Amino acid sequence: MGALVALMLTGFIVVGIYKFFTQSEARSSFLAECAEAPFESAFVFLWVACGLTFFWGVFVPPLGTIKIMIWGTRRELWAVAGIASLAGFVLMIAYLWLKTPRSPR
């Protein structure tokens, strides 16, 4: 199920990139949304990038062997992206929970 979601998300990104470069209306609306909420836009971009990096690093062996240096230790990129994706999910839930107005008691 997760693989299907990641494949659909990859397809959405490909279509979005195609529309960004070919349609001026889509480009202007996309840039307006990013200008309206820059922090949320950057967070979602990074979160989706980490999730897709984790997915493609697990299912495509050459991408899974990429190692990056973190604090003097070489770690696999897919594992770091998976941890960052989970941390992003926790941050998103906490942000939405704290942002939601509560009814007075």
N, C-alpha and C. Protein backbone atom coordinates (compact mmCIF):
# COMPACT_ATOMS: atom_id res chain seq x y z
N MET A 1 0.82 -1.18 0.00
CA MET A 1 0.00 0.00 0.00
C MET A 1 0.87 1.25 0.00
N GLY A 2 1.91 1.24 0.82
CA GLY A 2 2.82 2.38 0.86
C GLY A 2 3.53 2.59 -0.47
N ALA A 3 3.84 1.47 -1.14
CA ALA A 3 4.51 1.58 -2.44
C ALA A 3 3.58 2.23 -3.46
N LEU A 4 2.30 1.90 -3.42
CA LEU A 4 1.35 2.52 -4.34
C LEU A 4 1.23 4.01 -4.07
N VAL A 5 1.19 4.39 -2.82
CA VAL A 5 1.11 5.81 -2.47
C VAL A 5 2.36 6.54 -2.96
N ALA A 6 3.53 5.94 -2.76
CA ALA A 6 4.77 6.58 -3.20
C ALA A 6 4.82 6.69 -4.73
N LEU A 7 4.34 5.68 -5.43
CA LEU A 7 4.32 5.75 -6.89
C LEU A 7 3.34 6.82 -7.37
N MET A 8 2.16 6.91 -6.72
CA MET A 8 1.21 7.96 -7.10
C MET A 8 1.77 9.34 -6.80
N LEU A 9 2.44 9.49 -5.66
CA LEU A 9 3.03 10.77 -5.30
C LEU A 9 4.12 11.16 -6.31
N THR A 10 4.90 10.19 -6.74
CA THR A 10 5.91 10.44 -7.76
C THR A 10 5.25 10.90 -9.06
N GLY A 11 4.15 10.25 -9.43
CA GLY A 11 3.42 10.67 -10.63
C GLY A 11 2.87 12.08 -10.50
N PHE A 12 2.32 12.41 -9.33
CA PHE A 12 1.80 13.76 -9.10
C PHE A 12 2.91 14.79 -9.24
N ILE A 13 4.08 14.47 -8.73
CA ILE A 13 5.21 15.41 -8.80
C ILE A 13 5.66 15.59 -10.25
N VAL A 14 5.72 14.51 -11.00
CA VAL A 14 6.11 14.61 -12.41
C VAL A 14 5.12 15.47 -13.18
N VAL A 15 3.82 15.24 -12.96
CA VAL A 15 2.80 16.04 -13.64
C VAL A 15 2.88 17.50 -13.18
N GLY A 16 3.10 17.73 -11.89
CA GLY A 16 3.23 19.09 -11.38
C GLY A 16 4.41 19.82 -11.97
N ILE A 17 5.53 19.15 -12.10
CA ILE A 17 6.71 19.77 -12.70
C ILE A 17 6.46 20.09 -14.18
N TYR A 18 5.80 19.15 -14.86
CA TYR A 18 5.47 19.39 -16.28
C TYR A 18 4.56 20.61 -16.42
N LYS A 19 3.53 20.69 -15.58
CA LYS A 19 2.62 21.84 -15.64
C LYS A 19 3.33 23.13 -15.27
N PHE A 20 4.24 23.07 -14.30
CA PHE A 20 4.97 24.27 -13.88
C PHE A 20 5.75 24.86 -15.04
N PHE A 21 6.37 23.99 -15.85
CA PHE A 21 7.20 24.48 -16.94
C PHE A 21 6.43 24.75 -18.23
N THR A 22 5.19 24.27 -18.35
CA THR A 22 4.47 24.44 -19.60
C THR A 22 3.26 25.38 -19.51
N GLN A 23 2.71 25.59 -18.32
CA GLN A 23 1.50 26.42 -18.19
C GLN A 23 1.77 27.59 -17.26
N SER A 24 1.58 28.79 -17.79
CA SER A 24 1.86 29.98 -16.98
C SER A 24 0.85 30.15 -15.85
N GLU A 25 -0.41 29.73 -16.04
CA GLU A 25 -1.41 29.82 -14.97
C GLU A 25 -1.02 28.95 -13.78
N ALA A 26 -0.61 27.72 -14.06
CA ALA A 26 -0.20 26.81 -12.99
C ALA A 26 1.03 27.34 -12.27
N ARG A 27 1.96 27.90 -13.03
CA ARG A 27 3.18 28.45 -12.43
C ARG A 27 2.86 29.63 -11.51
N SER A 28 1.99 30.54 -11.97
CA SER A 28 1.67 31.71 -11.14
C SER A 28 0.88 31.31 -9.90
N SER A 29 -0.04 30.35 -10.01
CA SER A 29 -0.80 29.93 -8.83
C SER A 29 0.10 29.19 -7.84
N PHE A 30 1.02 28.38 -8.35
CA PHE A 30 1.95 27.67 -7.48
C PHE A 30 2.84 28.66 -6.72
N LEU A 31 3.39 29.63 -7.43
CA LEU A 31 4.25 30.61 -6.78
C LEU A 31 3.47 31.48 -5.80
N ALA A 32 2.21 31.77 -6.11
CA ALA A 32 1.38 32.55 -5.17
C ALA A 32 1.12 31.76 -3.90
N GLU A 33 0.86 30.45 -4.02
CA GLU A 33 0.66 29.63 -2.83
C GLU A 33 1.93 29.57 -1.98
N CYS A 34 3.08 29.46 -2.63
CA CYS A 34 4.34 29.42 -1.89
C CYS A 34 4.63 30.75 -1.21
N ALA A 35 4.27 31.86 -1.86
CA ALA A 35 4.49 33.18 -1.25
C ALA A 35 3.53 33.42 -0.10
N GLU A 36 2.34 32.84 -0.17
CA GLU A 36 1.35 33.04 0.89
C GLU A 36 1.75 32.32 2.18
N ALA A 37 2.31 31.12 2.06
CA ALA A 37 2.71 30.35 3.24
C ALA A 37 4.09 29.74 2.99
N PRO A 38 5.16 30.52 3.11
CA PRO A 38 6.48 30.00 2.75
C PRO A 38 6.99 28.90 3.68
N PHE A 39 6.73 29.02 4.98
CA PHE A 39 7.22 28.00 5.91
C PHE A 39 6.53 26.66 5.66
N GLU A 40 5.21 26.70 5.53
CA GLU A 40 4.47 25.46 5.29
C GLU A 40 4.86 24.83 3.96
N SER A 41 5.07 25.66 2.93
CA SER A 41 5.45 25.13 1.62
C SER A 41 6.82 24.46 1.68
N ALA A 42 7.77 25.11 2.31
CA ALA A 42 9.11 24.52 2.42
C ALA A 42 9.08 23.23 3.23
N PHE A 43 8.29 23.23 4.31
CA PHE A 43 8.18 22.03 5.14
C PHE A 43 7.61 20.87 4.35
N VAL A 44 6.55 21.11 3.60
CA VAL A 44 5.92 20.04 2.82
C VAL A 44 6.86 19.55 1.72
N PHE A 45 7.56 20.47 1.06
CA PHE A 45 8.51 20.05 0.03
C PHE A 45 9.60 19.14 0.60
N LEU A 46 10.16 19.53 1.74
CA LEU A 46 11.21 18.73 2.35
C LEU A 46 10.68 17.39 2.85
N TRP A 47 9.48 17.41 3.41
CA TRP A 47 8.89 16.18 3.93
C TRP A 47 8.62 15.18 2.80
N VAL A 48 8.04 15.66 1.72
CA VAL A 48 7.78 14.79 0.57
C VAL A 48 9.09 14.31 -0.05
N ALA A 49 10.08 15.18 -0.13
CA ALA A 49 11.37 14.78 -0.68
C ALA A 49 12.02 13.68 0.16
N CYS A 50 11.94 13.81 1.48
CA CYS A 50 12.49 12.78 2.35
C CYS A 50 11.74 11.46 2.19
N GLY A 51 10.42 11.52 2.11
CA GLY A 51 9.63 10.31 1.93
C GLY A 51 9.94 9.60 0.63
N LEU A 52 10.04 10.37 -0.45
CA LEU A 52 10.34 9.76 -1.74
C LEU A 52 11.79 9.27 -1.82
N THR A 53 12.70 9.98 -1.18
CA THR A 53 14.09 9.51 -1.14
C THR A 53 14.17 8.18 -0.39
N PHE A 54 13.43 8.08 0.70
CA PHE A 54 13.38 6.81 1.44
C PHE A 54 12.80 5.71 0.56
N PHE A 55 11.67 5.97 -0.09
CA PHE A 55 11.03 4.95 -0.93
C PHE A 55 11.95 4.50 -2.06
N TRP A 56 12.46 5.45 -2.84
CA TRP A 56 13.28 5.08 -3.99
C TRP A 56 14.63 4.51 -3.55
N GLY A 57 15.14 4.91 -2.40
CA GLY A 57 16.39 4.34 -1.90
C GLY A 57 16.24 2.89 -1.47
N VAL A 58 15.04 2.53 -0.99
CA VAL A 58 14.80 1.14 -0.59
C VAL A 58 14.56 0.26 -1.81
N PHE A 59 13.78 0.74 -2.77
CA PHE A 59 13.37 -0.11 -3.88
C PHE A 59 14.28 -0.05 -5.10
N VAL A 60 15.21 0.88 -5.16
CA VAL A 60 16.17 0.94 -6.26
C VAL A 60 17.56 0.76 -5.64
N PRO A 61 18.15 -0.43 -5.78
CA PRO A 61 19.40 -0.73 -5.08
C PRO A 61 20.56 0.27 -5.29
N PRO A 62 20.80 0.79 -6.50
CA PRO A 62 21.91 1.76 -6.61
C PRO A 62 21.68 3.02 -5.78
N LEU A 63 20.43 3.45 -5.65
CA LEU A 63 20.17 4.63 -4.81
C LEU A 63 20.30 4.29 -3.32
N GLY A 64 20.06 3.04 -2.97
CA GLY A 64 20.16 2.63 -1.58
C GLY A 64 21.58 2.53 -1.05
N THR A 65 22.56 2.53 -1.96
CA THR A 65 23.95 2.40 -1.52
C THR A 65 24.63 3.75 -1.33
N ILE A 66 23.94 4.84 -1.63
CA ILE A 66 24.53 6.18 -1.46
C ILE A 66 24.74 6.44 0.02
N LYS A 67 25.93 6.85 0.37
CA LYS A 67 26.23 7.14 1.78
C LYS A 67 26.55 8.62 1.92
N ILE A 68 26.11 9.20 3.04
CA ILE A 68 26.40 10.60 3.34
C ILE A 68 27.06 10.67 4.70
N MET A 69 27.84 11.72 4.90
CA MET A 69 28.57 11.89 6.15
C MET A 69 27.74 12.73 7.12
N ILE A 70 27.45 12.19 8.29
CA ILE A 70 26.75 12.92 9.34
C ILE A 70 27.54 12.74 10.63
N TRP A 71 28.05 13.84 11.15
CA TRP A 71 28.83 13.85 12.39
C TRP A 71 29.95 12.81 12.39
N GLY A 72 30.66 12.73 11.28
CA GLY A 72 31.82 11.85 11.18
C GLY A 72 31.49 10.39 10.92
N THR A 73 30.23 10.06 10.72
CA THR A 73 29.81 8.69 10.46
C THR A 73 29.13 8.64 9.09
N ARG A 74 29.51 7.62 8.30
CA ARG A 74 28.88 7.47 6.99
C ARG A 74 27.60 6.67 7.15
N ARG A 75 26.48 7.28 6.76
CA ARG A 75 25.17 6.65 6.89
C ARG A 75 24.51 6.57 5.51
N GLU A 76 23.66 5.56 5.35
CA GLU A 76 22.99 5.40 4.07
C GLU A 76 21.88 6.45 3.93
N LEU A 77 21.78 7.00 2.73
CA LEU A 77 20.86 8.09 2.47
C LEU A 77 19.41 7.70 2.72
N TRP A 78 19.02 6.49 2.32
CA TRP A 78 17.63 6.08 2.48
C TRP A 78 17.25 6.01 3.95
N ALA A 79 18.16 5.57 4.81
CA ALA A 79 17.86 5.47 6.24
C ALA A 79 17.71 6.87 6.87
N VAL A 80 18.58 7.78 6.49
CA VAL A 80 18.49 9.15 7.01
C VAL A 80 17.20 9.80 6.53
N ALA A 81 16.84 9.57 5.26
CA ALA A 81 15.60 10.14 4.73
C ALA A 81 14.38 9.54 5.41
N GLY A 82 14.42 8.26 5.74
CA GLY A 82 13.31 7.64 6.45
C GLY A 82 13.12 8.20 7.84
N ILE A 83 14.22 8.41 8.55
CA ILE A 83 14.15 9.00 9.88
C ILE A 83 13.65 10.44 9.79
N ALA A 84 14.13 11.19 8.80
CA ALA A 84 13.68 12.58 8.62
C ALA A 84 12.20 12.62 8.23
N SER A 85 11.74 11.65 7.47
CA SER A 85 10.34 11.60 7.08
C SER A 85 9.45 11.33 8.30
N LEU A 86 9.86 10.41 9.16
CA LEU A 86 9.11 10.16 10.39
C LEU A 86 9.12 11.37 11.32
N ALA A 87 10.27 12.01 11.44
CA ALA A 87 10.35 13.21 12.27
C ALA A 87 9.46 14.31 11.70
N GLY A 88 9.42 14.45 10.39
CA GLY A 88 8.55 15.43 9.76
C GLY A 88 7.08 15.14 10.00
N PHE A 89 6.73 13.85 10.02
CA PHE A 89 5.35 13.48 10.30
C PHE A 89 4.97 13.87 11.73
N VAL A 90 5.86 13.61 12.67
CA VAL A 90 5.60 13.98 14.07
C VAL A 90 5.49 15.50 14.20
N LEU A 91 6.39 16.23 13.54
CA LEU A 91 6.32 17.70 13.59
C LEU A 91 5.03 18.22 12.97
N MET A 92 4.59 17.61 11.87
CA MET A 92 3.35 18.05 11.24
C MET A 92 2.16 17.82 12.16
N ILE A 93 2.09 16.66 12.79
CA ILE A 93 0.98 16.37 13.70
C ILE A 93 1.01 17.34 14.88
N ALA A 94 2.17 17.59 15.45
CA ALA A 94 2.27 18.53 16.57
C ALA A 94 1.89 19.94 16.14
N TYR A 95 2.32 20.35 14.96
CA TYR A 95 1.99 21.69 14.47
C TYR A 95 0.49 21.83 14.25
N LEU A 96 -0.12 20.85 13.62
CA LEU A 96 -1.57 20.92 13.38
C LEU A 96 -2.35 20.85 14.68
N TRP A 97 -1.88 20.09 15.64
CA TRP A 97 -2.56 19.99 16.93
C TRP A 97 -2.47 21.30 17.70
N LEU A 98 -1.30 21.94 17.67
CA LEU A 98 -1.14 23.20 18.38
C LEU A 98 -1.78 24.37 17.65
N LYS A 99 -1.88 24.28 16.33
CA LYS A 99 -2.44 25.36 15.54
C LYS A 99 -3.97 25.38 15.59
N THR A 100 -4.58 24.23 15.79
CA THR A 100 -6.03 24.13 15.78
C THR A 100 -6.62 24.86 16.98
N PRO A 101 -7.57 25.77 16.75
CA PRO A 101 -8.18 26.46 17.88
C PRO A 101 -9.05 25.50 18.69
N ARG A 102 -8.98 25.64 19.99
CA ARG A 102 -9.74 24.78 20.87
C ARG A 102 -10.97 25.54 21.37
N SER A 103 -12.02 24.82 21.58
CA SER A 103 -13.24 25.47 22.08
C SER A 103 -13.09 25.75 23.58
N PRO A 104 -13.62 26.87 24.05
CA PRO A 104 -13.51 27.17 25.49
C PRO A 104 -14.37 26.21 26.31
N ARG A 105 -13.91 25.92 27.50
CA ARG A 105 -14.64 24.99 28.37
C ARG A 105 -15.63 25.71 29.22
